[in-house]
Amino acid sequence: MANHKATKKDVRQAAKRRDRNRYYGKTTRNAIRDIKEITEPGAFTEKMPDVVSMIDKLAKRGVIHKNKASNLKRKLARKVPVTKAA
């Protein structure tokens, strides 16, 4: 690491961003896991917009790729008919 003030600041900022991104990513993964375990259709449709919003925010921030976000949302949306039939 260089000893320039700007480089030291960049390292601090990158660490802060990395921690923040890891927190948001882990929180979203936990929300996805929890929504997959729901068996009631009403509870699923109630929580689905919140989880989709979390996924979209990750893609907007660049934590995950926009296509990965789309794939995650598609997989969650496919679960709705299975939940209603059960």
PDB file of N, CA and C in Angstrom:
ATOM      1  N   MET A   1       0.847  -1.176   0.000  1.00  0.00           N
ATOM      2  CA  MET A   1       0.000   0.000   0.000  1.00  0.00           C
ATOM      3  C   MET A   1       0.889   1.234   0.000  1.00  0.00           C
ATOM      4  N   ALA A   2       0.509   2.194  -0.820  1.00  0.00           N
ATOM      5  CA  ALA A   2       1.267   3.435  -0.894  1.00  0.00           C
ATOM      6  C   ALA A   2       1.016   4.274   0.357  1.00  0.00           C
ATOM      7  N   ASN A   3       1.886   5.210   0.570  1.00  0.00           N
ATOM      8  CA  ASN A   3       1.761   6.040   1.762  1.00  0.00           C
ATOM      9  C   ASN A   3       1.128   7.392   1.464  1.00  0.00           C
ATOM     10  N   HIS A   4       0.417   7.509   0.368  1.00  0.00           N
ATOM     11  CA  HIS A   4      -0.260   8.755   0.051  1.00  0.00           C
ATOM     12  C   HIS A   4      -1.545   8.863   0.860  1.00  0.00           C
ATOM     13  N   LYS A   5      -1.895  10.074   1.218  1.00  0.00           N
ATOM     14  CA  LYS A   5      -3.100  10.273   2.012  1.00  0.00           C
ATOM     15  C   LYS A   5      -4.334   9.808   1.250  1.00  0.00           C
ATOM     16  N   ALA A   6      -4.366  10.096  -0.045  1.00  0.00           N
ATOM     17  CA  ALA A   6      -5.531   9.720  -0.843  1.00  0.00           C
ATOM     18  C   ALA A   6      -5.667   8.205  -0.937  1.00  0.00           C
ATOM     19  N   THR A   7      -4.557   7.501  -1.041  1.00  0.00           N
ATOM     20  CA  THR A   7      -4.596   6.041  -1.128  1.00  0.00           C
ATOM     21  C   THR A   7      -5.076   5.433   0.185  1.00  0.00           C
ATOM     22  N   LYS A   8      -4.624   5.983   1.287  1.00  0.00           N
ATOM     23  CA  LYS A   8      -5.087   5.490   2.584  1.00  0.00           C
ATOM     24  C   LYS A   8      -6.589   5.712   2.744  1.00  0.00           C
ATOM     25  N   LYS A   9      -7.050   6.853   2.276  1.00  0.00           N
ATOM     26  CA  LYS A   9      -8.482   7.142   2.344  1.00  0.00           C
ATOM     27  C   LYS A   9      -9.258   6.168   1.453  1.00  0.00           C
ATOM     28  N   ASP A  10      -8.739   5.880   0.263  1.00  0.00           N
ATOM     29  CA  ASP A  10      -9.394   4.924  -0.626  1.00  0.00           C
ATOM     30  C   ASP A  10      -9.510   3.551   0.022  1.00  0.00           C
ATOM     31  N   VAL A  11      -8.482   3.144   0.742  1.00  0.00           N
ATOM     32  CA  VAL A  11      -8.504   1.849   1.420  1.00  0.00           C
ATOM     33  C   VAL A  11      -9.584   1.840   2.505  1.00  0.00           C
ATOM     34  N   ARG A  12      -9.671   2.927   3.253  1.00  0.00           N
ATOM     35  CA  ARG A  12     -10.703   3.024   4.298  1.00  0.00           C
ATOM     36  C   ARG A  12     -12.099   2.982   3.685  1.00  0.00           C
ATOM     37  N   GLN A  13     -12.291   3.731   2.615  1.00  0.00           N
ATOM     38  CA  GLN A  13     -13.606   3.774   1.978  1.00  0.00           C
ATOM     39  C   GLN A  13     -13.980   2.418   1.391  1.00  0.00           C
ATOM     40  N   ALA A  14     -13.016   1.746   0.778  1.00  0.00           N
ATOM     41  CA  ALA A  14     -13.288   0.441   0.188  1.00  0.00           C
ATOM     42  C   ALA A  14     -13.683  -0.565   1.265  1.00  0.00           C
ATOM     43  N   ALA A  15     -13.020  -0.517   2.404  1.00  0.00           N
ATOM     44  CA  ALA A  15     -13.359  -1.426   3.498  1.00  0.00           C
ATOM     45  C   ALA A  15     -14.772  -1.157   4.011  1.00  0.00           C
ATOM     46  N   LYS A  16     -15.116   0.108   4.107  1.00  0.00           N
ATOM     47  CA  LYS A  16     -16.441   0.481   4.579  1.00  0.00           C
ATOM     48  C   LYS A  16     -17.513   0.001   3.595  1.00  0.00           C
ATOM     49  N   ARG A  17     -17.251   0.209   2.313  1.00  0.00           N
ATOM     50  CA  ARG A  17     -18.203  -0.236   1.288  1.00  0.00           C
ATOM     51  C   ARG A  17     -18.328  -1.755   1.264  1.00  0.00           C
ATOM     52  N   ARG A  18     -17.201  -2.450   1.405  1.00  0.00           N
ATOM     53  CA  ARG A  18     -17.212  -3.910   1.387  1.00  0.00           C
ATOM     54  C   ARG A  18     -18.052  -4.457   2.543  1.00  0.00           C
ATOM     55  N   ASP A  19     -17.878  -3.882   3.727  1.00  0.00           N
ATOM     56  CA  ASP A  19     -18.662  -4.328   4.880  1.00  0.00           C
ATOM     57  C   ASP A  19     -20.142  -4.069   4.674  1.00  0.00           C
ATOM     58  N   ARG A  20     -20.451  -2.897   4.139  1.00  0.00           N
ATOM     59  CA  ARG A  20     -21.846  -2.538   3.893  1.00  0.00           C
ATOM     60  C   ARG A  20     -22.459  -3.472   2.860  1.00  0.00           C
ATOM     61  N   ASN A  21     -21.736  -3.751   1.771  1.00  0.00           N
ATOM     62  CA  ASN A  21     -22.245  -4.629   0.727  1.00  0.00           C
ATOM     63  C   ASN A  21     -22.431  -6.052   1.242  1.00  0.00           C
ATOM     64  N   ARG A  22     -21.500  -6.515   2.072  1.00  0.00           N
ATOM     65  CA  ARG A  22     -21.636  -7.857   2.648  1.00  0.00           C
ATOM     66  C   ARG A  22     -22.868  -7.938   3.538  1.00  0.00           C
ATOM     67  N   TYR A  23     -23.132  -6.893   4.310  1.00  0.00           N
ATOM     68  CA  TYR A  23     -24.300  -6.870   5.188  1.00  0.00           C
ATOM     69  C   TYR A  23     -25.584  -6.930   4.365  1.00  0.00           C
ATOM     70  N   TYR A  24     -25.700  -6.072   3.340  1.00  0.00           N
ATOM     71  CA  TYR A  24     -26.906  -6.056   2.520  1.00  0.00           C
ATOM     72  C   TYR A  24     -27.082  -7.372   1.766  1.00  0.00           C
ATOM     73  N   GLY A  25     -25.992  -7.927   1.273  1.00  0.00           N
ATOM     74  CA  GLY A  25     -26.075  -9.191   0.555  1.00  0.00           C
ATOM     75  C   GLY A  25     -26.532 -10.318   1.450  1.00  0.00           C
ATOM     76  N   LYS A  26     -25.972 -10.393   2.642  1.00  0.00           N
ATOM     77  CA  LYS A  26     -26.336 -11.459   3.579  1.00  0.00           C
ATOM     78  C   LYS A  26     -27.779 -11.295   4.041  1.00  0.00           C
ATOM     79  N   THR A  27     -28.204 -10.070   4.300  1.00  0.00           N
ATOM     80  CA  THR A  27     -29.578  -9.815   4.717  1.00  0.00           C
ATOM     81  C   THR A  27     -30.555 -10.243   3.630  1.00  0.00           C
ATOM     82  N   THR A  28     -30.220  -9.947   2.390  1.00  0.00           N
ATOM     83  CA  THR A  28     -31.087 -10.329   1.280  1.00  0.00           C
ATOM     84  C   THR A  28     -31.121 -11.845   1.112  1.00  0.00           C
ATOM     85  N   ARG A  29     -29.965 -12.502   1.226  1.00  0.00           N
ATOM     86  CA  ARG A  29     -29.944 -13.962   1.118  1.00  0.00           C
ATOM     87  C   ARG A  29     -30.796 -14.605   2.215  1.00  0.00           C
ATOM     88  N   ASN A  30     -30.738 -14.051   3.416  1.00  0.00           N
ATOM     89  CA  ASN A  30     -31.555 -14.583   4.508  1.00  0.00           C
ATOM     90  C   ASN A  30     -33.040 -14.382   4.218  1.00  0.00           C
ATOM     91  N   ALA A  31     -33.396 -13.224   3.654  1.00  0.00           N
ATOM     92  CA  ALA A  31     -34.796 -12.957   3.328  1.00  0.00           C
ATOM     93  C   ALA A  31     -35.289 -13.909   2.246  1.00  0.00           C
ATOM     94  N   ILE A  32     -34.428 -14.196   1.270  1.00  0.00           N
ATOM     95  CA  ILE A  32     -34.798 -15.138   0.210  1.00  0.00           C
ATOM     96  C   ILE A  32     -34.997 -16.529   0.799  1.00  0.00           C
ATOM     97  N   ARG A  33     -34.085 -16.928   1.676  1.00  0.00           N
ATOM     98  CA  ARG A  33     -34.214 -18.237   2.323  1.00  0.00           C
ATOM     99  C   ARG A  33     -35.521 -18.325   3.122  1.00  0.00           C
ATOM    100  N   ASP A  34     -35.839 -17.265   3.860  1.00  0.00           N
ATOM    101  CA  ASP A  34     -37.053 -17.276   4.679  1.00  0.00           C
ATOM    102  C   ASP A  34     -38.314 -17.326   3.822  1.00  0.00           C
ATOM    103  N   ILE A  35     -38.305 -16.587   2.701  1.00  0.00           N
ATOM    104  CA  ILE A  35     -39.515 -16.571   1.865  1.00  0.00           C
ATOM    105  C   ILE A  35     -39.704 -17.900   1.150  1.00  0.00           C
ATOM    106  N   LYS A  36     -38.623 -18.627   0.888  1.00  0.00           N
ATOM    107  CA  LYS A  36     -38.744 -19.944   0.259  1.00  0.00           C
ATOM    108  C   LYS A  36     -39.380 -20.955   1.209  1.00  0.00           C
ATOM    109  N   GLU A  37     -39.244 -20.736   2.504  1.00  0.00           N
ATOM    110  CA  GLU A  37     -39.784 -21.676   3.488  1.00  0.00           C
ATOM    111  C   GLU A  37     -41.254 -21.418   3.820  1.00  0.00           C
ATOM    112  N   ILE A  38     -41.810 -20.319   3.325  1.00  0.00           N
ATOM    113  CA  ILE A  38     -43.202 -19.979   3.626  1.00  0.00           C
ATOM    114  C   ILE A  38     -44.131 -20.926   2.885  1.00  0.00           C
ATOM    115  N   THR A  39     -45.161 -21.416   3.570  1.00  0.00           N
ATOM    116  CA  THR A  39     -46.111 -22.325   2.948  1.00  0.00           C
ATOM    117  C   THR A  39     -47.485 -21.680   2.739  1.00  0.00           C
ATOM    118  N   GLU A  40     -47.766 -20.556   3.384  1.00  0.00           N
ATOM    119  CA  GLU A  40     -49.063 -19.895   3.246  1.00  0.00           C
ATOM    120  C   GLU A  40     -49.013 -18.908   2.084  1.00  0.00           C
ATOM    121  N   PRO A  41     -49.992 -18.955   1.177  1.00  0.00           N
ATOM    122  CA  PRO A  41     -49.981 -18.035   0.031  1.00  0.00           C
ATOM    123  C   PRO A  41     -50.086 -16.566   0.446  1.00  0.00           C
ATOM    124  N   GLY A  42     -50.863 -16.287   1.467  1.00  0.00           N
ATOM    125  CA  GLY A  42     -51.043 -14.901   1.897  1.00  0.00           C
ATOM    126  C   GLY A  42     -49.758 -14.291   2.415  1.00  0.00           C
ATOM    127  N   ALA A  43     -49.035 -15.034   3.206  1.00  0.00           N
ATOM    128  CA  ALA A  43     -47.784 -14.532   3.760  1.00  0.00           C
ATOM    129  C   ALA A  43     -46.741 -14.376   2.666  1.00  0.00           C
ATOM    130  N   PHE A  44     -46.762 -15.260   1.687  1.00  0.00           N
ATOM    131  CA  PHE A  44     -45.792 -15.183   0.596  1.00  0.00           C
ATOM    132  C   PHE A  44     -46.004 -13.917  -0.219  1.00  0.00           C
ATOM    133  N   THR A  45     -47.258 -13.662  -0.615  1.00  0.00           N
ATOM    134  CA  THR A  45     -47.538 -12.476  -1.432  1.00  0.00           C
ATOM    135  C   THR A  45     -47.324 -11.192  -0.650  1.00  0.00           C
ATOM    136  N   GLU A  46     -47.427 -11.275   0.666  1.00  0.00           N
ATOM    137  CA  GLU A  46     -47.203 -10.090   1.496  1.00  0.00           C
ATOM    138  C   GLU A  46     -45.722  -9.737   1.571  1.00  0.00           C
ATOM    139  N   LYS A  47     -44.855 -10.735   1.645  1.00  0.00           N
ATOM    140  CA  LYS A  47     -43.416 -10.489   1.797  1.00  0.00           C
ATOM    141  C   LYS A  47     -42.680 -10.384   0.462  1.00  0.00           C
ATOM    142  N   MET A  48     -43.289 -10.856  -0.616  1.00  0.00           N
ATOM    143  CA  MET A  48     -42.624 -10.873  -1.913  1.00  0.00           C
ATOM    144  C   MET A  48     -42.157  -9.489  -2.375  1.00  0.00           C
ATOM    145  N   PRO A  49     -42.974  -8.430  -2.278  1.00  0.00           N
ATOM    146  CA  PRO A  49     -42.494  -7.115  -2.735  1.00  0.00           C
ATOM    147  C   PRO A  49     -41.279  -6.607  -1.964  1.00  0.00           C
ATOM    148  N   ASP A  50     -41.212  -6.906  -0.684  1.00  0.00           N
ATOM    149  CA  ASP A  50     -40.066  -6.469   0.115  1.00  0.00           C
ATOM    150  C   ASP A  50     -38.782  -7.155  -0.345  1.00  0.00           C
ATOM    151  N   VAL A  51     -38.868  -8.453  -0.606  1.00  0.00           N
ATOM    152  CA  VAL A  51     -37.681  -9.201  -1.030  1.00  0.00           C
ATOM    153  C   VAL A  51     -37.249  -8.772  -2.432  1.00  0.00           C
ATOM    154  N   VAL A  52     -38.221  -8.552  -3.315  1.00  0.00           N
ATOM    155  CA  VAL A  52     -37.897  -8.092  -4.668  1.00  0.00           C
ATOM    156  C   VAL A  52     -37.220  -6.729  -4.607  1.00  0.00           C
ATOM    157  N   SER A  53     -37.686  -5.886  -3.728  1.00  0.00           N
ATOM    158  CA  SER A  53     -37.073  -4.564  -3.561  1.00  0.00           C
ATOM    159  C   SER A  53     -35.633  -4.687  -3.076  1.00  0.00           C
ATOM    160  N   MET A  54     -35.404  -5.594  -2.149  1.00  0.00           N
ATOM    161  CA  MET A  54     -34.037  -5.801  -1.650  1.00  0.00           C
ATOM    162  C   MET A  54     -33.119  -6.281  -2.768  1.00  0.00           C
ATOM    163  N   ILE A  55     -33.621  -7.195  -3.602  1.00  0.00           N
ATOM    164  CA  ILE A  55     -32.827  -7.711  -4.713  1.00  0.00           C
ATOM    165  C   ILE A  55     -32.517  -6.600  -5.706  1.00  0.00           C
ATOM    166  N   ASP A  56     -33.516  -5.773  -6.009  1.00  0.00           N
ATOM    167  CA  ASP A  56     -33.306  -4.666  -6.947  1.00  0.00           C
ATOM    168  C   ASP A  56     -32.275  -3.667  -6.420  1.00  0.00           C
ATOM    169  N   LYS A  57     -32.306  -3.421  -5.143  1.00  0.00           N
ATOM    170  CA  LYS A  57     -31.334  -2.491  -4.565  1.00  0.00           C
ATOM    171  C   LYS A  57     -29.914  -3.038  -4.657  1.00  0.00           C
ATOM    172  N   LEU A  58     -29.761  -4.350  -4.458  1.00  0.00           N
ATOM    173  CA  LEU A  58     -28.435  -4.947  -4.607  1.00  0.00           C
ATOM    174  C   LEU A  58     -27.926  -4.783  -6.030  1.00  0.00           C
ATOM    175  N   ALA A  59     -28.806  -4.981  -6.997  1.00  0.00           N
ATOM    176  CA  ALA A  59     -28.397  -4.839  -8.400  1.00  0.00           C
ATOM    177  C   ALA A  59     -28.075  -3.382  -8.713  1.00  0.00           C
ATOM    178  N   LYS A  60     -28.849  -2.468  -8.175  1.00  0.00           N
ATOM    179  CA  LYS A  60     -28.609  -1.046  -8.433  1.00  0.00           C
ATOM    180  C   LYS A  60     -27.278  -0.595  -7.847  1.00  0.00           C
ATOM    181  N   ARG A  61     -26.935  -1.118  -6.686  1.00  0.00           N
ATOM    182  CA  ARG A  61     -25.672  -0.757  -6.043  1.00  0.00           C
ATOM    183  C   ARG A  61     -24.476  -1.469  -6.654  1.00  0.00           C
ATOM    184  N   GLY A  62     -24.733  -2.492  -7.465  1.00  0.00           N
ATOM    185  CA  GLY A  62     -23.645  -3.216  -8.092  1.00  0.00           C
ATOM    186  C   GLY A  62     -23.110  -4.353  -7.241  1.00  0.00           C
ATOM    187  N   VAL A  63     -23.837  -4.723  -6.207  1.00  0.00           N
ATOM    188  CA  VAL A  63     -23.403  -5.830  -5.364  1.00  0.00           C
ATOM    189  C   VAL A  63     -23.587  -7.145  -6.120  1.00  0.00           C
ATOM    190  N   ILE A  64     -24.700  -7.253  -6.853  1.00  0.00           N
ATOM    191  CA  ILE A  64     -24.921  -8.405  -7.710  1.00  0.00           C
ATOM    192  C   ILE A  64     -25.216  -7.895  -9.120  1.00  0.00           C
ATOM    193  N   HIS A  65     -25.056  -8.744 -10.104  1.00  0.00           N
ATOM    194  CA  HIS A  65     -25.308  -8.378 -11.495  1.00  0.00           C
ATOM    195  C   HIS A  65     -26.809  -8.274 -11.736  1.00  0.00           C
ATOM    196  N   LYS A  66     -27.217  -7.434 -12.671  1.00  0.00           N
ATOM    197  CA  LYS A  66     -28.644  -7.237 -12.923  1.00  0.00           C
ATOM    198  C   LYS A  66     -29.312  -8.510 -13.431  1.00  0.00           C
ATOM    199  N   ASN A  67     -28.560  -9.347 -14.165  1.00  0.00           N
ATOM    200  CA  ASN A  67     -29.143 -10.600 -14.636  1.00  0.00           C
ATOM    201  C   ASN A  67     -29.333 -11.584 -13.493  1.00  0.00           C
ATOM    202  N   LYS A  68     -28.431 -11.579 -12.525  1.00  0.00           N
ATOM    203  CA  LYS A  68     -28.597 -12.435 -11.352  1.00  0.00           C
ATOM    204  C   LYS A  68     -29.824 -11.999 -10.567  1.00  0.00           C
ATOM    205  N   ALA A  69     -30.016 -10.688 -10.458  1.00  0.00           N
ATOM    206  CA  ALA A  69     -31.199 -10.177  -9.765  1.00  0.00           C
ATOM    207  C   ALA A  69     -32.465 -10.638 -10.479  1.00  0.00           C
ATOM    208  N   SER A  70     -32.456 -10.568 -11.790  1.00  0.00           N
ATOM    209  CA  SER A  70     -33.606 -11.005 -12.574  1.00  0.00           C
ATOM    210  C   SER A  70     -33.868 -12.493 -12.376  1.00  0.00           C
ATOM    211  N   ASN A  71     -32.809 -13.292 -12.376  1.00  0.00           N
ATOM    212  CA  ASN A  71     -32.967 -14.727 -12.176  1.00  0.00           C
ATOM    213  C   ASN A  71     -33.509 -15.051 -10.786  1.00  0.00           C
ATOM    214  N   LEU A  72     -33.036 -14.344  -9.767  1.00  0.00           N
ATOM    215  CA  LEU A  72     -33.537 -14.575  -8.413  1.00  0.00           C
ATOM    216  C   LEU A  72     -35.026 -14.247  -8.316  1.00  0.00           C
ATOM    217  N   LYS A  73     -35.417 -13.124  -8.912  1.00  0.00           N
ATOM    218  CA  LYS A  73     -36.825 -12.726  -8.868  1.00  0.00           C
ATOM    219  C   LYS A  73     -37.696 -13.719  -9.633  1.00  0.00           C
ATOM    220  N   ARG A  74     -37.191 -14.221 -10.771  1.00  0.00           N
ATOM    221  CA  ARG A  74     -37.944 -15.192 -11.566  1.00  0.00           C
ATOM    222  C   ARG A  74     -38.152 -16.476 -10.774  1.00  0.00           C
ATOM    223  N   LYS A  75     -37.104 -16.931 -10.095  1.00  0.00           N
ATOM    224  CA  LYS A  75     -37.222 -18.164  -9.319  1.00  0.00           C
ATOM    225  C   LYS A  75     -38.206 -18.002  -8.165  1.00  0.00           C
ATOM    226  N   LEU A  76     -38.216 -16.835  -7.540  1.00  0.00           N
ATOM    227  CA  LEU A  76     -39.174 -16.596  -6.463  1.00  0.00           C
ATOM    228  C   LEU A  76     -40.595 -16.511  -7.003  1.00  0.00           C
ATOM    229  N   ALA A  77     -40.759 -15.878  -8.161  1.00  0.00           N
ATOM    230  CA  ALA A  77     -42.095 -15.737  -8.737  1.00  0.00           C
ATOM    231  C   ALA A  77     -42.659 -17.088  -9.151  1.00  0.00           C
ATOM    232  N   ARG A  78     -41.813 -18.004  -9.562  1.00  0.00           N
ATOM    233  CA  ARG A  78     -42.277 -19.337  -9.950  1.00  0.00           C
ATOM    234  C   ARG A  78     -42.776 -20.124  -8.747  1.00  0.00           C
ATOM    235  N   LYS A  79     -42.391 -19.734  -7.558  1.00  0.00           N
ATOM    236  CA  LYS A  79     -42.803 -20.441  -6.356  1.00  0.00           C
ATOM    237  C   LYS A  79     -44.258 -20.128  -5.991  1.00  0.00           C
ATOM    238  N   VAL A  80     -44.794 -19.011  -6.475  1.00  0.00           N
ATOM    239  CA  VAL A  80     -46.143 -18.590  -6.090  1.00  0.00           C
ATOM    240  C   VAL A  80     -47.201 -19.625  -6.476  1.00  0.00           C
ATOM    241  N   PRO A  81     -47.261 -20.109  -7.730  1.00  0.00           N
ATOM    242  CA  PRO A  81     -48.290 -21.100  -8.044  1.00  0.00           C
ATOM    243  C   PRO A  81     -48.149 -22.388  -7.227  1.00  0.00           C
ATOM    244  N   VAL A  82     -46.921 -22.793  -6.943  1.00  0.00           N
ATOM    245  CA  VAL A  82     -46.700 -23.993  -6.140  1.00  0.00           C
ATOM    246  C   VAL A  82     -47.256 -23.781  -4.752  1.00  0.00           C
ATOM    247  N   THR A  83     -47.090 -22.586  -4.211  1.00  0.00           N
ATOM    248  CA  THR A  83     -47.596 -22.281  -2.884  1.00  0.00           C
ATOM    249  C   THR A  83     -49.125 -22.275  -2.871  1.00  0.00           C
ATOM    250  N   LYS A  84     -49.734 -21.707  -3.930  1.00  0.00           N
ATOM    251  CA  LYS A  84     -51.197 -21.640  -3.974  1.00  0.00           C
ATOM    252  C   LYS A  84     -51.804 -23.027  -4.139  1.00  0.00           C
ATOM    253  N   ALA A  85     -51.132 -23.904  -4.876  1.00  0.00           N
ATOM    254  CA  ALA A  85     -51.670 -25.249  -5.093  1.00  0.00           C
ATOM    255  C   ALA A  85     -51.552 -26.108  -3.832  1.00  0.00           C
ATOM    256  N   ALA A  86     -50.595 -25.809  -3.011  1.00  0.00           N
ATOM    257  CA  ALA A  86     -50.363 -26.635  -1.823  1.00  0.00           C
ATOM    258  C   ALA A  86     -51.364 -26.391  -0.737  1.00  0.00           C
TER     259      ALA A  86
END
